[in-house]
Amino acid sequence: MRRGLRREPSVKIVLIDFHTHSSASDGALSPEELLARARERGVALLAITDHDLVSGYQRAAALGAASPRLVPGVEFSCVWSGVTVHVVGLGIDCAHPALRAGVARMAAAREERALKIATCLEKRGFPGALPGARAVAGDSQLGRPHFARWLVDQGHVASLNEAFDRHLGQGKPGDIKAFWPALDEVVAWITDSGGVAVLAHPLKYRLTNMKLRRLVAAFAAAGGAALEVTSGRQTPDQVRHLERVAQDFELEVSIGSDFHSDAPYAADVGVDLSPFAGRRGVWRRWLDDH
């Protein structure tokens, strides 16, 4: 080293991710591939939080891999004040009766929703939507993306974006609202099974600040423990805003990528923990030195 130059102390980068999706729900990678991606990127802690089911986590856990450390996870849909919101469950007991009953209820709701989407598409001149979407889904949980892919494959639309813009997106005929359970019910499924309830991507619901705070207050009153302050590519100002909201309601914070696939502007698996040093993070349950 040259005289007069000081070497800056190195900062150890620790990556964790408490919000990811596999092909068991609507992700592009199989649970095994998602686990391998996280390992390649050096992720220390990983939660596979597929929508309304735990089979993705269970498949990855069955591999018995030493790295990354897996945290049991799920992401449940629910309703609060007429708004569909998502709650991530971390550290859940997948075999607990409350959690199993919740997963079964969500499977029934999603099946009913799929039937209604198919009926809607058939009325719009697209027969065979249900078996077609099931074939696209394969072993994955059936959802709107599979109907969209089927529409593209059949030549009814030119792209997935067009499928959502014309038929399946928000406010379109195929945007069928499932009979999701109430927010407090979903939080109870998670907490009763020994898990930590996290309000997922709070800014995604596009609520006014006042209504967001009402949502967070209801979530905390129901037994929710943490607020997700990053779930992909938020701006620093957005992250700081959510951290202040979490602090106001005495909630911990959680971080994740909300990874589904390699896509433009999408975050890869793993979130750097260093900007959140000193925060009341849910990760402290699994990372003793953070």
C-alpha atoms as a PDB file:
ATOM      1  CA  MET A   1       0.000   0.000   0.000  1.00  0.00           C
ATOM      2  CA  ARG A   2       1.282   3.453  -0.855  1.00  0.00           C
ATOM      3  CA  ARG A   3       2.145   5.783   2.000  1.00  0.00           C
ATOM      4  CA  GLY A   4      -0.612   8.244   2.795  1.00  0.00           C
ATOM      5  CA  LEU A   5      -3.382   6.015   1.424  1.00  0.00           C
ATOM      6  CA  ARG A   6      -5.808   4.398   3.822  1.00  0.00           C
ATOM      7  CA  ARG A   7      -7.568   1.162   3.062  1.00  0.00           C
ATOM      8  CA  GLU A   8     -11.294   1.422   3.716  1.00  0.00           C
ATOM      9  CA  PRO A   9     -12.614  -1.358   5.949  1.00  0.00           C
ATOM     10  CA  SER A  10     -14.403  -4.018   3.957  1.00  0.00           C
ATOM     11  CA  VAL A  11     -18.107  -4.464   4.561  1.00  0.00           C
ATOM     12  CA  LYS A  12     -19.379  -8.012   4.582  1.00  0.00           C
ATOM     13  CA  ILE A  13     -22.331  -8.346   2.241  1.00  0.00           C
ATOM     14  CA  VAL A  14     -25.081 -10.589   3.589  1.00  0.00           C
ATOM     15  CA  LEU A  15     -27.943 -11.438   1.262  1.00  0.00           C
ATOM     16  CA  ILE A  16     -31.315 -12.657   2.501  1.00  0.00           C
ATOM     17  CA  ASP A  17     -34.699 -12.962   0.807  1.00  0.00           C
ATOM     18  CA  PHE A  18     -38.016 -13.397   2.569  1.00  0.00           C
ATOM     19  CA  HIS A  19     -40.270 -13.093  -0.495  1.00  0.00           C
ATOM     20  CA  THR A  20     -39.769 -15.359  -3.530  1.00  0.00           C
ATOM     21  CA  HIS A  21     -41.952 -17.483  -5.785  1.00  0.00           C
ATOM     22  CA  SER A  22     -41.379 -20.798  -7.521  1.00  0.00           C
ATOM     23  CA  SER A  23     -43.247 -22.600 -10.271  1.00  0.00           C
ATOM     24  CA  ALA A  24     -45.416 -24.205  -7.609  1.00  0.00           C
ATOM     25  CA  SER A  25     -47.434 -20.985  -7.872  1.00  0.00           C
ATOM     26  CA  ASP A  26     -46.588 -18.317 -10.464  1.00  0.00           C
ATOM     27  CA  GLY A  27     -42.792 -18.277 -10.568  1.00  0.00           C
ATOM     28  CA  ALA A  28     -40.684 -19.290 -13.556  1.00  0.00           C
ATOM     29  CA  LEU A  29     -38.150 -21.444 -11.681  1.00  0.00           C
ATOM     30  CA  SER A  30     -38.873 -24.772 -10.041  1.00  0.00           C
ATOM     31  CA  PRO A  31     -38.318 -24.870  -6.274  1.00  0.00           C
ATOM     32  CA  GLU A  32     -35.082 -26.741  -6.919  1.00  0.00           C
ATOM     33  CA  GLU A  33     -33.924 -24.159  -9.469  1.00  0.00           C
ATOM     34  CA  LEU A  34     -34.865 -21.282  -7.176  1.00  0.00           C
ATOM     35  CA  LEU A  35     -32.834 -22.832  -4.381  1.00  0.00           C
ATOM     36  CA  ALA A  36     -29.868 -23.262  -6.729  1.00  0.00           C
ATOM     37  CA  ARG A  37     -30.174 -19.627  -7.901  1.00  0.00           C
ATOM     38  CA  ALA A  38     -30.115 -18.428  -4.301  1.00  0.00           C
ATOM     39  CA  ARG A  39     -27.071 -20.587  -3.553  1.00  0.00           C
ATOM     40  CA  GLU A  40     -25.206 -19.282  -6.599  1.00  0.00           C
ATOM     41  CA  ARG A  41     -25.865 -15.713  -5.490  1.00  0.00           C
ATOM     42  CA  GLY A  42     -24.666 -16.402  -1.955  1.00  0.00           C
ATOM     43  CA  VAL A  43     -28.026 -15.904  -0.243  1.00  0.00           C
ATOM     44  CA  ALA A  44     -27.782 -16.839   3.432  1.00  0.00           C
ATOM     45  CA  LEU A  45     -31.494 -17.011   4.277  1.00  0.00           C
ATOM     46  CA  LEU A  46     -34.277 -17.830   1.819  1.00  0.00           C
ATOM     47  CA  ALA A  47     -38.037 -18.070   2.187  1.00  0.00           C
ATOM     48  CA  ILE A  48     -40.015 -19.532  -0.708  1.00  0.00           C
ATOM     49  CA  THR A  49     -43.360 -17.798  -0.287  1.00  0.00           C
ATOM     50  CA  ASP A  50     -45.593 -19.182  -3.003  1.00  0.00           C
ATOM     51  CA  HIS A  51     -49.153 -17.925  -3.263  1.00  0.00           C
ATOM     52  CA  ASP A  52     -51.521 -19.771  -0.916  1.00  0.00           C
ATOM     53  CA  LEU A  53     -49.550 -23.024  -0.786  1.00  0.00           C
ATOM     54  CA  VAL A  54     -46.442 -24.499   0.818  1.00  0.00           C
ATOM     55  CA  SER A  55     -45.555 -27.281  -1.622  1.00  0.00           C
ATOM     56  CA  GLY A  56     -42.775 -25.218  -3.209  1.00  0.00           C
ATOM     57  CA  TYR A  57     -41.028 -24.765   0.117  1.00  0.00           C
ATOM     58  CA  GLN A  58     -41.557 -28.434   0.979  1.00  0.00           C
ATOM     59  CA  ARG A  59     -39.977 -29.590  -2.285  1.00  0.00           C
ATOM     60  CA  ALA A  60     -36.934 -27.415  -1.701  1.00  0.00           C
ATOM     61  CA  ALA A  61     -36.650 -28.458   1.949  1.00  0.00           C
ATOM     62  CA  ALA A  62     -36.757 -32.130   0.958  1.00  0.00           C
ATOM     63  CA  LEU A  63     -33.415 -31.693  -0.801  1.00  0.00           C
ATOM     64  CA  GLY A  64     -31.749 -31.207   2.578  1.00  0.00           C
ATOM     65  CA  ALA A  65     -29.343 -28.596   1.229  1.00  0.00           C
ATOM     66  CA  ALA A  66     -27.107 -26.910   3.786  1.00  0.00           C
ATOM     67  CA  SER A  67     -27.131 -23.589   1.940  1.00  0.00           C
ATOM     68  CA  PRO A  68     -29.021 -21.348   1.822  1.00  0.00           C
ATOM     69  CA  ARG A  69     -30.843 -21.813   5.087  1.00  0.00           C
ATOM     70  CA  LEU A  70     -34.534 -22.210   4.285  1.00  0.00           C
ATOM     71  CA  VAL A  71     -37.260 -20.470   6.272  1.00  0.00           C
ATOM     72  CA  PRO A  72     -40.733 -21.996   5.825  1.00  0.00           C
ATOM     73  CA  GLY A  73     -42.930 -19.490   4.028  1.00  0.00           C
ATOM     74  CA  VAL A  74     -46.213 -18.731   2.271  1.00  0.00           C
ATOM     75  CA  GLU A  75     -48.016 -15.687   0.844  1.00  0.00           C
ATOM     76  CA  PHE A  76     -51.758 -15.589   1.491  1.00  0.00           C
ATOM     77  CA  SER A  77     -54.308 -13.426  -0.297  1.00  0.00           C
ATOM     78  CA  CYS A  78     -56.977 -11.782   1.842  1.00  0.00           C
ATOM     79  CA  VAL A  79     -59.379  -8.867   1.945  1.00  0.00           C
ATOM     80  CA  TRP A  80     -59.378  -5.726   4.055  1.00  0.00           C
ATOM     81  CA  SER A  81     -61.936  -2.942   3.572  1.00  0.00           C
ATOM     82  CA  GLY A  82     -62.730  -4.201   0.073  1.00  0.00           C
ATOM     83  CA  VAL A  83     -59.055  -4.270  -0.961  1.00  0.00           C
ATOM     84  CA  THR A  84     -57.178  -7.478  -1.818  1.00  0.00           C
ATOM     85  CA  VAL A  85     -53.920  -7.541   0.140  1.00  0.00           C
ATOM     86  CA  HIS A  86     -51.202 -10.126   0.677  1.00  0.00           C
ATOM     87  CA  VAL A  87     -49.698 -11.383   3.905  1.00  0.00           C
ATOM     88  CA  VAL A  88     -46.450 -13.349   4.000  1.00  0.00           C
ATOM     89  CA  GLY A  89     -46.052 -15.984   6.680  1.00  0.00           C
ATOM     90  CA  LEU A  90     -42.505 -16.809   7.825  1.00  0.00           C
ATOM     91  CA  GLY A  91     -41.376 -19.619  10.109  1.00  0.00           C
ATOM     92  CA  ILE A  92     -44.729 -21.364   9.831  1.00  0.00           C
ATOM     93  CA  ASP A  93     -45.383 -24.983  10.798  1.00  0.00           C
ATOM     94  CA  CYS A  94     -46.663 -26.441   7.533  1.00  0.00           C
ATOM     95  CA  ALA A  95     -48.194 -29.413   9.346  1.00  0.00           C
ATOM     96  CA  HIS A  96     -50.188 -27.328  11.839  1.00  0.00           C
ATOM     97  CA  PRO A  97     -53.973 -27.872  11.505  1.00  0.00           C
ATOM     98  CA  ALA A  98     -54.687 -24.137  11.213  1.00  0.00           C
ATOM     99  CA  LEU A  99     -52.163 -23.697   8.407  1.00  0.00           C
ATOM    100  CA  ARG A 100     -53.325 -26.818   6.568  1.00  0.00           C
ATOM    101  CA  ALA A 101     -56.957 -25.732   6.809  1.00  0.00           C
ATOM    102  CA  GLY A 102     -56.021 -22.313   5.468  1.00  0.00           C
ATOM    103  CA  VAL A 103     -54.157 -23.778   2.501  1.00  0.00           C
ATOM    104  CA  ALA A 104     -57.129 -26.044   1.720  1.00  0.00           C
ATOM    105  CA  ARG A 105     -59.539 -23.112   1.876  1.00  0.00           C
ATOM    106  CA  MET A 106     -57.389 -21.071  -0.481  1.00  0.00           C
ATOM    107  CA  ALA A 107     -57.157 -23.965  -2.946  1.00  0.00           C
ATOM    108  CA  ALA A 108     -60.959 -24.166  -3.053  1.00  0.00           C
ATOM    109  CA  ALA A 109     -61.236 -20.394  -3.572  1.00  0.00           C
ATOM    110  CA  ARG A 110     -58.725 -20.473  -6.410  1.00  0.00           C
ATOM    111  CA  GLU A 111     -60.517 -23.375  -8.086  1.00  0.00           C
ATOM    112  CA  GLU A 112     -63.804 -21.476  -7.980  1.00  0.00           C
ATOM    113  CA  ARG A 113     -62.057 -18.435  -9.369  1.00  0.00           C
ATOM    114  CA  ALA A 114     -60.558 -20.432 -12.253  1.00  0.00           C
ATOM    115  CA  LEU A 115     -63.970 -21.783 -13.195  1.00  0.00           C
ATOM    116  CA  LYS A 116     -65.413 -18.262 -13.313  1.00  0.00           C
ATOM    117  CA  ILE A 117     -62.501 -16.954 -15.388  1.00  0.00           C
ATOM    118  CA  ALA A 118     -62.983 -19.795 -17.869  1.00  0.00           C
ATOM    119  CA  THR A 119     -66.724 -19.133 -18.089  1.00  0.00           C
ATOM    120  CA  CYS A 120     -66.036 -15.457 -18.700  1.00  0.00           C
ATOM    121  CA  LEU A 121     -63.540 -16.192 -21.478  1.00  0.00           C
ATOM    122  CA  GLU A 122     -65.879 -18.679 -23.128  1.00  0.00           C
ATOM    123  CA  LYS A 123     -68.636 -16.047 -23.187  1.00  0.00           C
ATOM    124  CA  ARG A 124     -66.158 -13.759 -24.951  1.00  0.00           C
ATOM    125  CA  GLY A 125     -65.632 -16.341 -27.681  1.00  0.00           C
ATOM    126  CA  PHE A 126     -62.753 -18.429 -26.322  1.00  0.00           C
ATOM    127  CA  PRO A 127     -64.025 -21.994 -25.706  1.00  0.00           C
ATOM    128  CA  GLY A 128     -61.810 -24.542 -24.007  1.00  0.00           C
ATOM    129  CA  ALA A 129     -60.198 -22.028 -21.686  1.00  0.00           C
ATOM    130  CA  LEU A 130     -60.253 -24.176 -18.557  1.00  0.00           C
ATOM    131  CA  PRO A 131     -58.636 -27.364 -19.924  1.00  0.00           C
ATOM    132  CA  GLY A 132     -56.280 -25.213 -21.957  1.00  0.00           C
ATOM    133  CA  ALA A 133     -55.110 -23.227 -18.944  1.00  0.00           C
ATOM    134  CA  ARG A 134     -54.792 -26.404 -16.878  1.00  0.00           C
ATOM    135  CA  ALA A 135     -52.516 -27.886 -19.538  1.00  0.00           C
ATOM    136  CA  VAL A 136     -50.360 -24.760 -19.447  1.00  0.00           C
ATOM    137  CA  ALA A 137     -50.206 -24.823 -15.645  1.00  0.00           C
ATOM    138  CA  GLY A 138     -49.192 -28.472 -15.368  1.00  0.00           C
ATOM    139  CA  ASP A 139     -48.232 -29.070 -11.741  1.00  0.00           C
ATOM    140  CA  SER A 140     -48.379 -25.370 -10.923  1.00  0.00           C
ATOM    141  CA  GLN A 141     -51.242 -23.666  -9.157  1.00  0.00           C
ATOM    142  CA  LEU A 142     -53.784 -22.532 -11.746  1.00  0.00           C
ATOM    143  CA  GLY A 143     -54.067 -18.752 -12.103  1.00  0.00           C
ATOM    144  CA  ARG A 144     -54.589 -15.856 -14.495  1.00  0.00           C
ATOM    145  CA  PRO A 145     -51.051 -16.100 -15.982  1.00  0.00           C
ATOM    146  CA  HIS A 146     -51.877 -19.578 -17.287  1.00  0.00           C
ATOM    147  CA  PHE A 147     -55.091 -18.344 -18.929  1.00  0.00           C
ATOM    148  CA  ALA A 148     -53.052 -15.518 -20.445  1.00  0.00           C
ATOM    149  CA  ARG A 149     -50.463 -17.931 -21.829  1.00  0.00           C
ATOM    150  CA  TRP A 150     -53.220 -20.110 -23.279  1.00  0.00           C
ATOM    151  CA  LEU A 151     -54.760 -17.094 -25.032  1.00  0.00           C
ATOM    152  CA  VAL A 152     -51.363 -16.335 -26.586  1.00  0.00           C
ATOM    153  CA  ASP A 153     -50.707 -19.957 -27.571  1.00  0.00           C
ATOM    154  CA  GLN A 154     -54.116 -20.170 -29.251  1.00  0.00           C
ATOM    155  CA  GLY A 155     -53.462 -16.997 -31.213  1.00  0.00           C
ATOM    156  CA  HIS A 156     -56.314 -15.103 -29.578  1.00  0.00           C
ATOM    157  CA  VAL A 157     -53.919 -12.335 -28.502  1.00  0.00           C
ATOM    158  CA  ALA A 158     -50.395 -11.421 -29.539  1.00  0.00           C
ATOM    159  CA  SER A 159     -48.794 -11.162 -26.107  1.00  0.00           C
ATOM    160  CA  LEU A 160     -49.268 -11.716 -22.398  1.00  0.00           C
ATOM    161  CA  ASN A 161     -49.605  -7.971 -21.934  1.00  0.00           C
ATOM    162  CA  GLU A 162     -52.452  -7.888 -24.440  1.00  0.00           C
ATOM    163  CA  ALA A 163     -54.145 -10.795 -22.669  1.00  0.00           C
ATOM    164  CA  PHE A 164     -54.197  -8.819 -19.438  1.00  0.00           C
ATOM    165  CA  ASP A 165     -54.941  -5.464 -21.067  1.00  0.00           C
ATOM    166  CA  ARG A 166     -57.993  -6.815 -22.911  1.00  0.00           C
ATOM    167  CA  HIS A 167     -59.296  -9.718 -20.853  1.00  0.00           C
ATOM    168  CA  LEU A 168     -57.648 -10.515 -17.514  1.00  0.00           C
ATOM    169  CA  GLY A 169     -56.154  -7.372 -15.995  1.00  0.00           C
ATOM    170  CA  GLN A 170     -57.541  -5.158 -13.288  1.00  0.00           C
ATOM    171  CA  GLY A 171     -61.061  -4.017 -14.134  1.00  0.00           C
ATOM    172  CA  LYS A 172     -61.354  -6.348 -17.133  1.00  0.00           C
ATOM    173  CA  PRO A 173     -64.066  -9.039 -17.422  1.00  0.00           C
ATOM    174  CA  GLY A 174     -61.663 -11.830 -16.497  1.00  0.00           C
ATOM    175  CA  ASP A 175     -60.482 -10.069 -13.351  1.00  0.00           C
ATOM    176  CA  ILE A 176     -62.590 -12.291 -11.138  1.00  0.00           C
ATOM    177  CA  LYS A 177     -62.385 -11.515  -7.444  1.00  0.00           C
ATOM    178  CA  ALA A 178     -62.058 -14.717  -5.481  1.00  0.00           C
ATOM    179  CA  PHE A 179     -63.762 -15.065  -2.151  1.00  0.00           C
ATOM    180  CA  TRP A 180     -60.612 -14.447  -0.181  1.00  0.00           C
ATOM    181  CA  PRO A 181     -60.754 -14.633   3.634  1.00  0.00           C
ATOM    182  CA  ALA A 182     -60.524 -11.585   5.849  1.00  0.00           C
ATOM    183  CA  LEU A 183     -57.173 -10.118   6.887  1.00  0.00           C
ATOM    184  CA  ASP A 184     -57.516 -11.169  10.533  1.00  0.00           C
ATOM    185  CA  GLU A 185     -58.309 -14.772   9.541  1.00  0.00           C
ATOM    186  CA  VAL A 186     -55.150 -15.094   7.468  1.00  0.00           C
ATOM    187  CA  VAL A 187     -52.997 -13.538  10.178  1.00  0.00           C
ATOM    188  CA  ALA A 188     -54.468 -16.059  12.638  1.00  0.00           C
ATOM    189  CA  TRP A 189     -53.574 -19.005  10.371  1.00  0.00           C
ATOM    190  CA  ILE A 190     -49.979 -17.831  10.373  1.00  0.00           C
ATOM    191  CA  THR A 191     -49.618 -16.957  14.045  1.00  0.00           C
ATOM    192  CA  ASP A 192     -51.502 -20.048  15.246  1.00  0.00           C
ATOM    193  CA  SER A 193     -48.993 -22.174  13.326  1.00  0.00           C
ATOM    194  CA  GLY A 194     -46.093 -20.460  15.087  1.00  0.00           C
ATOM    195  CA  GLY A 195     -45.241 -18.113  12.235  1.00  0.00           C
ATOM    196  CA  VAL A 196     -44.583 -14.410  11.803  1.00  0.00           C
ATOM    197  CA  ALA A 197     -47.128 -12.431   9.759  1.00  0.00           C
ATOM    198  CA  VAL A 198     -45.660  -9.817   7.389  1.00  0.00           C
ATOM    199  CA  LEU A 199     -47.720  -7.316   5.401  1.00  0.00           C
ATOM    200  CA  ALA A 200     -46.389  -7.739   1.866  1.00  0.00           C
ATOM    201  CA  HIS A 201     -45.517  -4.906  -0.573  1.00  0.00           C
ATOM    202  CA  PRO A 202     -47.680  -2.220   1.103  1.00  0.00           C
ATOM    203  CA  LEU A 203     -47.217   0.329  -1.697  1.00  0.00           C
ATOM    204  CA  LYS A 204     -48.520  -2.054  -4.342  1.00  0.00           C
ATOM    205  CA  TYR A 205     -52.106  -1.482  -3.196  1.00  0.00           C
ATOM    206  CA  ARG A 206     -51.907   2.187  -4.250  1.00  0.00           C
ATOM    207  CA  LEU A 207     -53.652   3.422  -1.124  1.00  0.00           C
ATOM    208  CA  THR A 208     -53.603   6.964   0.133  1.00  0.00           C
ATOM    209  CA  ASN A 209     -51.242   7.456   3.046  1.00  0.00           C
ATOM    210  CA  MET A 210     -54.198   7.711   5.422  1.00  0.00           C
ATOM    211  CA  LYS A 211     -55.761   4.470   4.190  1.00  0.00           C
ATOM    212  CA  LEU A 212     -52.380   2.712   4.229  1.00  0.00           C
ATOM    213  CA  ARG A 213     -51.997   3.629   7.875  1.00  0.00           C
ATOM    214  CA  ARG A 214     -55.491   2.300   8.565  1.00  0.00           C
ATOM    215  CA  LEU A 215     -54.512  -0.975   6.891  1.00  0.00           C
ATOM    216  CA  VAL A 216     -51.301  -1.225   8.903  1.00  0.00           C
ATOM    217  CA  ALA A 217     -53.205  -0.458  12.117  1.00  0.00           C
ATOM    218  CA  ALA A 218     -55.717  -3.231  11.377  1.00  0.00           C
ATOM    219  CA  PHE A 219     -52.896  -5.617  10.511  1.00  0.00           C
ATOM    220  CA  ALA A 220     -51.060  -4.895  13.756  1.00  0.00           C
ATOM    221  CA  ALA A 221     -54.272  -5.234  15.779  1.00  0.00           C
ATOM    222  CA  ALA A 222     -54.867  -8.660  14.219  1.00  0.00           C
ATOM    223  CA  GLY A 223     -51.458  -9.868  15.390  1.00  0.00           C
ATOM    224  CA  GLY A 224     -49.283  -8.918  12.445  1.00  0.00           C
ATOM    225  CA  ALA A 225     -45.622  -8.516  13.348  1.00  0.00           C
ATOM    226  CA  ALA A 226     -43.771  -6.929  10.445  1.00  0.00           C
ATOM    227  CA  LEU A 227     -43.987  -4.660   7.407  1.00  0.00           C
ATOM    228  CA  GLU A 228     -42.205  -5.448   4.156  1.00  0.00           C
ATOM    229  CA  VAL A 229     -40.156  -2.342   3.364  1.00  0.00           C
ATOM    230  CA  THR A 230     -38.600  -3.624   0.170  1.00  0.00           C
ATOM    231  CA  SER A 231     -40.071  -6.136  -2.254  1.00  0.00           C
ATOM    232  CA  GLY A 232     -38.167  -5.555  -5.447  1.00  0.00           C
ATOM    233  CA  ARG A 233     -37.041  -2.157  -6.689  1.00  0.00           C
ATOM    234  CA  GLN A 234     -38.354   0.542  -4.372  1.00  0.00           C
ATOM    235  CA  THR A 235     -36.759   3.974  -4.237  1.00  0.00           C
ATOM    236  CA  PRO A 236     -34.806   4.972  -1.116  1.00  0.00           C
ATOM    237  CA  ASP A 237     -37.553   7.452  -0.258  1.00  0.00           C
ATOM    238  CA  GLN A 238     -40.191   4.737  -0.468  1.00  0.00           C
ATOM    239  CA  VAL A 239     -38.164   2.444   1.766  1.00  0.00           C
ATOM    240  CA  ARG A 240     -37.639   5.197   4.337  1.00  0.00           C
ATOM    241  CA  HIS A 241     -41.358   5.993   4.278  1.00  0.00           C
ATOM    242  CA  LEU A 242     -42.279   2.372   4.985  1.00  0.00           C
ATOM    243  CA  GLU A 243     -39.663   2.160   7.725  1.00  0.00           C
ATOM    244  CA  ARG A 244     -41.286   5.165   9.417  1.00  0.00           C
ATOM    245  CA  VAL A 245     -44.708   3.548   9.150  1.00  0.00           C
ATOM    246  CA  ALA A 246     -43.357   0.336  10.674  1.00  0.00           C
ATOM    247  CA  GLN A 247     -41.808   2.307  13.511  1.00  0.00           C
ATOM    248  CA  ASP A 248     -45.032   4.237  14.136  1.00  0.00           C
ATOM    249  CA  PHE A 249     -46.942   0.993  14.613  1.00  0.00           C
ATOM    250  CA  GLU A 250     -44.119  -0.780  16.489  1.00  0.00           C
ATOM    251  CA  LEU A 251     -43.694  -3.365  13.752  1.00  0.00           C
ATOM    252  CA  GLU A 252     -40.529  -5.119  12.672  1.00  0.00           C
ATOM    253  CA  VAL A 253     -39.370  -4.824   9.065  1.00  0.00           C
ATOM    254  CA  SER A 254     -38.872  -7.505   6.451  1.00  0.00           C
ATOM    255  CA  ILE A 255     -37.101  -7.482   3.086  1.00  0.00           C
ATOM    256  CA  GLY A 256     -37.453  -9.534  -0.078  1.00  0.00           C
ATOM    257  CA  SER A 257     -37.199  -9.429  -3.848  1.00  0.00           C
ATOM    258  CA  ASP A 258     -40.694 -10.736  -4.712  1.00  0.00           C
ATOM    259  CA  PHE A 259     -38.785 -12.708  -7.340  1.00  0.00           C
ATOM    260  CA  HIS A 260     -40.912 -14.442  -9.972  1.00  0.00           C
ATOM    261  CA  SER A 261     -38.693 -14.580 -13.054  1.00  0.00           C
ATOM    262  CA  ASP A 262     -35.873 -12.910 -14.933  1.00  0.00           C
ATOM    263  CA  ALA A 263     -37.633  -9.898 -16.376  1.00  0.00           C
ATOM    264  CA  PRO A 264     -36.762  -6.291 -17.230  1.00  0.00           C
ATOM    265  CA  TYR A 265     -36.619  -4.135 -14.114  1.00  0.00           C
ATOM    266  CA  ALA A 266     -37.308  -7.133 -11.857  1.00  0.00           C
ATOM    267  CA  ALA A 267     -35.070  -7.740  -8.861  1.00  0.00           C
ATOM    268  CA  ASP A 268     -32.958 -10.894  -8.682  1.00  0.00           C
ATOM    269  CA  VAL A 269     -33.002 -13.232  -5.717  1.00  0.00           C
ATOM    270  CA  GLY A 270     -31.333 -11.826  -2.606  1.00  0.00           C
ATOM    271  CA  VAL A 271     -31.470  -8.465  -0.835  1.00  0.00           C
ATOM    272  CA  ASP A 272     -28.396  -6.839   0.709  1.00  0.00           C
ATOM    273  CA  LEU A 273     -28.921  -6.644   4.454  1.00  0.00           C
ATOM    274  CA  SER A 274     -26.288  -3.973   5.134  1.00  0.00           C
ATOM    275  CA  PRO A 275     -28.546  -0.912   4.489  1.00  0.00           C
ATOM    276  CA  PHE A 276     -30.867  -2.242   7.175  1.00  0.00           C
ATOM    277  CA  ALA A 277     -28.258  -2.646   9.904  1.00  0.00           C
ATOM    278  CA  GLY A 278     -29.662  -1.750  13.284  1.00  0.00           C
ATOM    279  CA  ARG A 279     -33.286  -2.157  12.222  1.00  0.00           C
ATOM    280  CA  ARG A 280     -35.790  -4.310  14.086  1.00  0.00           C
ATOM    281  CA  GLY A 281     -35.758  -6.983  11.417  1.00  0.00           C
ATOM    282  CA  VAL A 282     -37.610 -10.277  11.342  1.00  0.00           C
ATOM    283  CA  TRP A 283     -34.336 -11.850  10.209  1.00  0.00           C
ATOM    284  CA  ARG A 284     -33.006 -11.608  13.761  1.00  0.00           C
ATOM    285  CA  ARG A 285     -34.985 -14.747  14.516  1.00  0.00           C
ATOM    286  CA  TRP A 286     -32.677 -16.666  12.177  1.00  0.00           C
ATOM    287  CA  LEU A 287     -29.504 -14.533  11.989  1.00  0.00           C
ATOM    288  CA  ASP A 288     -28.241 -14.111  15.537  1.00  0.00           C
ATOM    289  CA  ASP A 289     -25.529 -11.558  14.677  1.00  0.00           C
ATOM    290  CA  HIS A 290     -27.855  -9.237  12.743  1.00  0.00           C
END
